[in-house]
N, C-alpha and C. Protein backbone atom coordinates (compact mmCIF):
# COMPACT_ATOMS: atom_id res chain seq x y z
N MET A 1 -31.30 -93.22 28.68
CA MET A 1 -31.16 -92.77 27.31
C MET A 1 -30.48 -91.40 27.31
N ASN A 2 -29.47 -91.26 26.47
CA ASN A 2 -28.75 -90.00 26.40
C ASN A 2 -29.55 -88.96 25.63
N GLU A 3 -29.44 -87.73 26.10
CA GLU A 3 -30.12 -86.65 25.41
C GLU A 3 -29.22 -86.11 24.30
N LEU A 4 -29.85 -85.55 23.30
CA LEU A 4 -29.13 -84.95 22.19
C LEU A 4 -28.55 -83.62 22.64
N GLU A 5 -27.30 -83.38 22.31
CA GLU A 5 -26.67 -82.12 22.66
C GLU A 5 -27.38 -80.97 21.97
N PRO A 6 -27.54 -79.84 22.64
CA PRO A 6 -28.22 -78.70 22.02
C PRO A 6 -27.50 -78.19 20.77
N ALA A 7 -26.18 -78.21 20.77
CA ALA A 7 -25.43 -77.73 19.61
C ALA A 7 -25.68 -78.62 18.40
N ALA A 8 -25.73 -79.92 18.60
CA ALA A 8 -25.99 -80.84 17.49
C ALA A 8 -27.39 -80.63 16.92
N LEU A 9 -28.35 -80.38 17.78
CA LEU A 9 -29.71 -80.14 17.32
C LEU A 9 -29.80 -78.84 16.52
N ILE A 10 -29.17 -77.79 16.99
CA ILE A 10 -29.20 -76.51 16.28
C ILE A 10 -28.51 -76.63 14.93
N ILE A 11 -27.37 -77.31 14.88
CA ILE A 11 -26.66 -77.50 13.62
C ILE A 11 -27.49 -78.31 12.65
N ALA A 12 -28.13 -79.37 13.13
CA ALA A 12 -28.97 -80.20 12.26
C ALA A 12 -30.16 -79.42 11.72
N LEU A 13 -30.77 -78.61 12.56
CA LEU A 13 -31.91 -77.80 12.11
C LEU A 13 -31.49 -76.75 11.09
N LEU A 14 -30.39 -76.06 11.36
CA LEU A 14 -29.90 -75.06 10.41
C LEU A 14 -29.56 -75.70 9.07
N ALA A 15 -28.85 -76.83 9.11
CA ALA A 15 -28.45 -77.49 7.88
C ALA A 15 -29.65 -77.98 7.09
N SER A 16 -30.67 -78.49 7.77
CA SER A 16 -31.84 -78.97 7.03
C SER A 16 -32.62 -77.82 6.41
N VAL A 17 -32.71 -76.70 7.10
CA VAL A 17 -33.42 -75.54 6.53
C VAL A 17 -32.65 -74.99 5.33
N TYR A 18 -31.35 -74.81 5.48
CA TYR A 18 -30.56 -74.25 4.39
C TYR A 18 -30.48 -75.21 3.20
N GLY A 19 -30.36 -76.50 3.46
CA GLY A 19 -30.34 -77.48 2.38
C GLY A 19 -31.66 -77.54 1.63
N ALA A 20 -32.76 -77.46 2.36
CA ALA A 20 -34.07 -77.47 1.72
C ALA A 20 -34.29 -76.20 0.89
N LEU A 21 -33.85 -75.06 1.41
CA LEU A 21 -33.97 -73.82 0.64
C LEU A 21 -33.11 -73.86 -0.62
N ALA A 22 -31.92 -74.39 -0.52
CA ALA A 22 -31.06 -74.49 -1.69
C ALA A 22 -31.69 -75.43 -2.73
N HIS A 23 -32.31 -76.52 -2.25
CA HIS A 23 -32.98 -77.42 -3.19
C HIS A 23 -34.17 -76.73 -3.84
N LEU A 24 -34.85 -75.91 -3.10
CA LEU A 24 -35.98 -75.16 -3.65
C LEU A 24 -35.50 -74.18 -4.73
N PHE A 25 -34.38 -73.52 -4.49
CA PHE A 25 -33.84 -72.54 -5.43
C PHE A 25 -33.18 -73.20 -6.64
N TRP A 26 -32.30 -74.18 -6.40
CA TRP A 26 -31.45 -74.70 -7.47
C TRP A 26 -31.65 -76.18 -7.79
N GLY A 27 -32.42 -76.90 -7.01
CA GLY A 27 -32.58 -78.33 -7.24
C GLY A 27 -33.43 -78.61 -8.47
N GLN A 28 -32.99 -79.56 -9.27
CA GLN A 28 -33.73 -79.94 -10.46
C GLN A 28 -34.33 -81.33 -10.32
N ARG A 29 -33.71 -82.16 -9.50
CA ARG A 29 -34.19 -83.53 -9.30
C ARG A 29 -34.16 -83.84 -7.80
N TRP A 30 -34.89 -84.88 -7.43
CA TRP A 30 -34.93 -85.25 -6.02
C TRP A 30 -33.58 -85.78 -5.53
N ARG A 31 -32.76 -86.28 -6.41
CA ARG A 31 -31.46 -86.79 -5.98
C ARG A 31 -30.50 -85.67 -5.59
N HIS A 32 -30.85 -84.43 -5.87
CA HIS A 32 -30.03 -83.29 -5.46
C HIS A 32 -30.26 -82.93 -3.98
N LEU A 33 -31.40 -83.34 -3.43
CA LEU A 33 -31.73 -82.98 -2.04
C LEU A 33 -30.69 -83.50 -1.05
N PRO A 34 -30.29 -84.78 -1.09
CA PRO A 34 -29.26 -85.22 -0.13
C PRO A 34 -27.92 -84.49 -0.33
N LEU A 35 -27.62 -84.13 -1.55
CA LEU A 35 -26.39 -83.38 -1.81
C LEU A 35 -26.44 -82.03 -1.12
N PHE A 36 -27.55 -81.32 -1.24
CA PHE A 36 -27.68 -80.01 -0.62
C PHE A 36 -27.74 -80.12 0.91
N LEU A 37 -28.42 -81.13 1.43
CA LEU A 37 -28.49 -81.31 2.88
C LEU A 37 -27.11 -81.61 3.47
N GLY A 38 -26.38 -82.48 2.82
CA GLY A 38 -25.04 -82.82 3.29
C GLY A 38 -24.07 -81.67 3.19
N THR A 39 -24.18 -80.92 2.12
CA THR A 39 -23.30 -79.77 1.93
C THR A 39 -23.58 -78.69 2.98
N ALA A 40 -24.83 -78.44 3.26
CA ALA A 40 -25.18 -77.46 4.30
C ALA A 40 -24.71 -77.94 5.67
N LEU A 41 -24.81 -79.22 5.93
CA LEU A 41 -24.33 -79.77 7.20
C LEU A 41 -22.82 -79.60 7.33
N ILE A 42 -22.10 -79.84 6.26
CA ILE A 42 -20.65 -79.66 6.30
C ILE A 42 -20.29 -78.20 6.55
N GLY A 43 -20.99 -77.29 5.91
CA GLY A 43 -20.72 -75.87 6.11
C GLY A 43 -20.98 -75.43 7.55
N CYS A 44 -22.10 -75.89 8.12
CA CYS A 44 -22.40 -75.53 9.50
C CYS A 44 -21.41 -76.16 10.48
N LEU A 45 -21.03 -77.40 10.22
CA LEU A 45 -20.06 -78.06 11.09
C LEU A 45 -18.68 -77.42 11.02
N MET A 46 -18.30 -76.94 9.84
CA MET A 46 -16.99 -76.29 9.72
C MET A 46 -16.91 -75.04 10.58
N SER A 47 -17.94 -74.23 10.56
CA SER A 47 -17.90 -73.00 11.37
C SER A 47 -17.92 -73.33 12.86
N TYR A 48 -18.61 -74.40 13.25
CA TYR A 48 -18.64 -74.79 14.66
C TYR A 48 -17.31 -75.42 15.08
N ALA A 49 -16.76 -76.27 14.22
CA ALA A 49 -15.52 -76.97 14.56
C ALA A 49 -14.33 -76.02 14.63
N PHE A 50 -14.28 -75.07 13.71
CA PHE A 50 -13.16 -74.12 13.71
C PHE A 50 -13.41 -72.91 14.61
N ASN A 51 -14.57 -72.87 15.26
CA ASN A 51 -14.93 -71.81 16.20
C ASN A 51 -14.79 -70.43 15.56
N LEU A 52 -15.39 -70.28 14.39
CA LEU A 52 -15.32 -69.01 13.67
C LEU A 52 -16.22 -67.97 14.34
N HIS A 53 -15.69 -66.79 14.52
CA HIS A 53 -16.45 -65.67 15.08
C HIS A 53 -16.03 -64.40 14.35
N PHE A 54 -16.77 -64.05 13.31
CA PHE A 54 -16.48 -62.82 12.56
C PHE A 54 -17.12 -61.62 13.24
N ILE A 55 -18.26 -61.84 13.84
CA ILE A 55 -19.00 -60.78 14.51
C ILE A 55 -18.87 -61.03 16.01
N GLY A 56 -18.32 -60.06 16.71
CA GLY A 56 -18.06 -60.25 18.13
C GLY A 56 -19.30 -60.43 18.98
N SER A 57 -20.38 -59.76 18.65
CA SER A 57 -21.57 -59.83 19.48
C SER A 57 -22.73 -60.54 18.80
N GLY A 58 -22.43 -61.44 17.85
CA GLY A 58 -23.48 -62.17 17.17
C GLY A 58 -24.10 -63.23 18.06
N PRO A 59 -25.28 -63.72 17.71
CA PRO A 59 -25.93 -64.74 18.54
C PRO A 59 -25.19 -66.07 18.48
N VAL A 60 -25.00 -66.66 19.66
CA VAL A 60 -24.27 -67.92 19.78
C VAL A 60 -25.02 -68.86 20.71
N PRO A 61 -26.18 -69.38 20.28
CA PRO A 61 -26.90 -70.31 21.16
C PRO A 61 -26.20 -71.67 21.20
N ALA A 62 -25.99 -72.17 22.40
CA ALA A 62 -25.34 -73.47 22.63
C ALA A 62 -23.95 -73.54 22.01
N GLY A 63 -23.31 -72.41 21.84
CA GLY A 63 -21.96 -72.39 21.28
C GLY A 63 -21.89 -72.41 19.77
N VAL A 64 -23.03 -72.36 19.09
CA VAL A 64 -23.07 -72.39 17.62
C VAL A 64 -23.20 -70.95 17.12
N PRO A 65 -22.17 -70.44 16.43
CA PRO A 65 -22.27 -69.08 15.89
C PRO A 65 -23.23 -69.06 14.69
N LEU A 66 -24.39 -68.44 14.86
CA LEU A 66 -25.43 -68.50 13.83
C LEU A 66 -25.05 -67.78 12.55
N VAL A 67 -24.50 -66.58 12.66
CA VAL A 67 -24.16 -65.81 11.47
C VAL A 67 -23.06 -66.51 10.69
N GLU A 68 -22.04 -66.97 11.37
CA GLU A 68 -20.93 -67.63 10.71
C GLU A 68 -21.35 -68.97 10.11
N SER A 69 -22.23 -69.70 10.79
CA SER A 69 -22.74 -70.96 10.26
C SER A 69 -23.55 -70.73 9.00
N THR A 70 -24.35 -69.68 9.01
CA THR A 70 -25.15 -69.34 7.84
C THR A 70 -24.27 -68.99 6.65
N ILE A 71 -23.28 -68.17 6.88
CA ILE A 71 -22.37 -67.77 5.79
C ILE A 71 -21.62 -68.97 5.25
N ALA A 72 -21.07 -69.80 6.14
CA ALA A 72 -20.31 -70.97 5.70
C ALA A 72 -21.19 -71.96 4.94
N ALA A 73 -22.41 -72.18 5.42
CA ALA A 73 -23.31 -73.12 4.75
C ALA A 73 -23.67 -72.63 3.36
N TRP A 74 -23.97 -71.35 3.21
CA TRP A 74 -24.36 -70.84 1.90
C TRP A 74 -23.18 -70.78 0.94
N ILE A 75 -21.99 -70.52 1.43
CA ILE A 75 -20.81 -70.58 0.55
C ILE A 75 -20.63 -72.00 0.04
N MET A 76 -20.75 -72.97 0.93
CA MET A 76 -20.62 -74.37 0.52
C MET A 76 -21.74 -74.77 -0.45
N LEU A 77 -22.95 -74.28 -0.21
CA LEU A 77 -24.06 -74.61 -1.11
C LEU A 77 -23.88 -74.00 -2.49
N ILE A 78 -23.38 -72.78 -2.55
CA ILE A 78 -23.13 -72.16 -3.85
C ILE A 78 -22.05 -72.91 -4.60
N LEU A 79 -21.01 -73.36 -3.87
CA LEU A 79 -19.98 -74.18 -4.52
C LEU A 79 -20.55 -75.51 -5.01
N ALA A 80 -21.45 -76.08 -4.25
CA ALA A 80 -22.05 -77.36 -4.65
C ALA A 80 -22.91 -77.21 -5.89
N THR A 81 -23.57 -76.06 -6.05
CA THR A 81 -24.38 -75.88 -7.25
C THR A 81 -23.51 -75.77 -8.49
N ARG A 82 -22.31 -75.28 -8.33
CA ARG A 82 -21.40 -75.16 -9.47
C ARG A 82 -20.75 -76.49 -9.82
N LEU A 83 -20.64 -77.40 -8.85
CA LEU A 83 -19.93 -78.66 -9.05
C LEU A 83 -20.83 -79.86 -9.26
N ARG A 84 -22.13 -79.71 -9.05
CA ARG A 84 -23.02 -80.89 -9.13
C ARG A 84 -23.19 -81.35 -10.59
N VAL A 85 -23.57 -82.59 -10.71
CA VAL A 85 -23.73 -83.21 -12.03
C VAL A 85 -25.17 -83.26 -12.41
């Protein structure tokens, strides 16, 4: 059985925490939860895929830039709150 890559696990955990927090802050119905989770996942994946590094000495466990992933996820979540139905 293949093990899960550490980067994928960190990205999934970050996205689930940020999506749940966004739903807590701005969610009005349960159907908004998958929207926020997916949006946070996209934001975290974008920073990892494009290898964004704004802070030279920021924490990068398993190659995932935490500060940049957090910023990208929250920007995407704020955009999703403005565009949701």
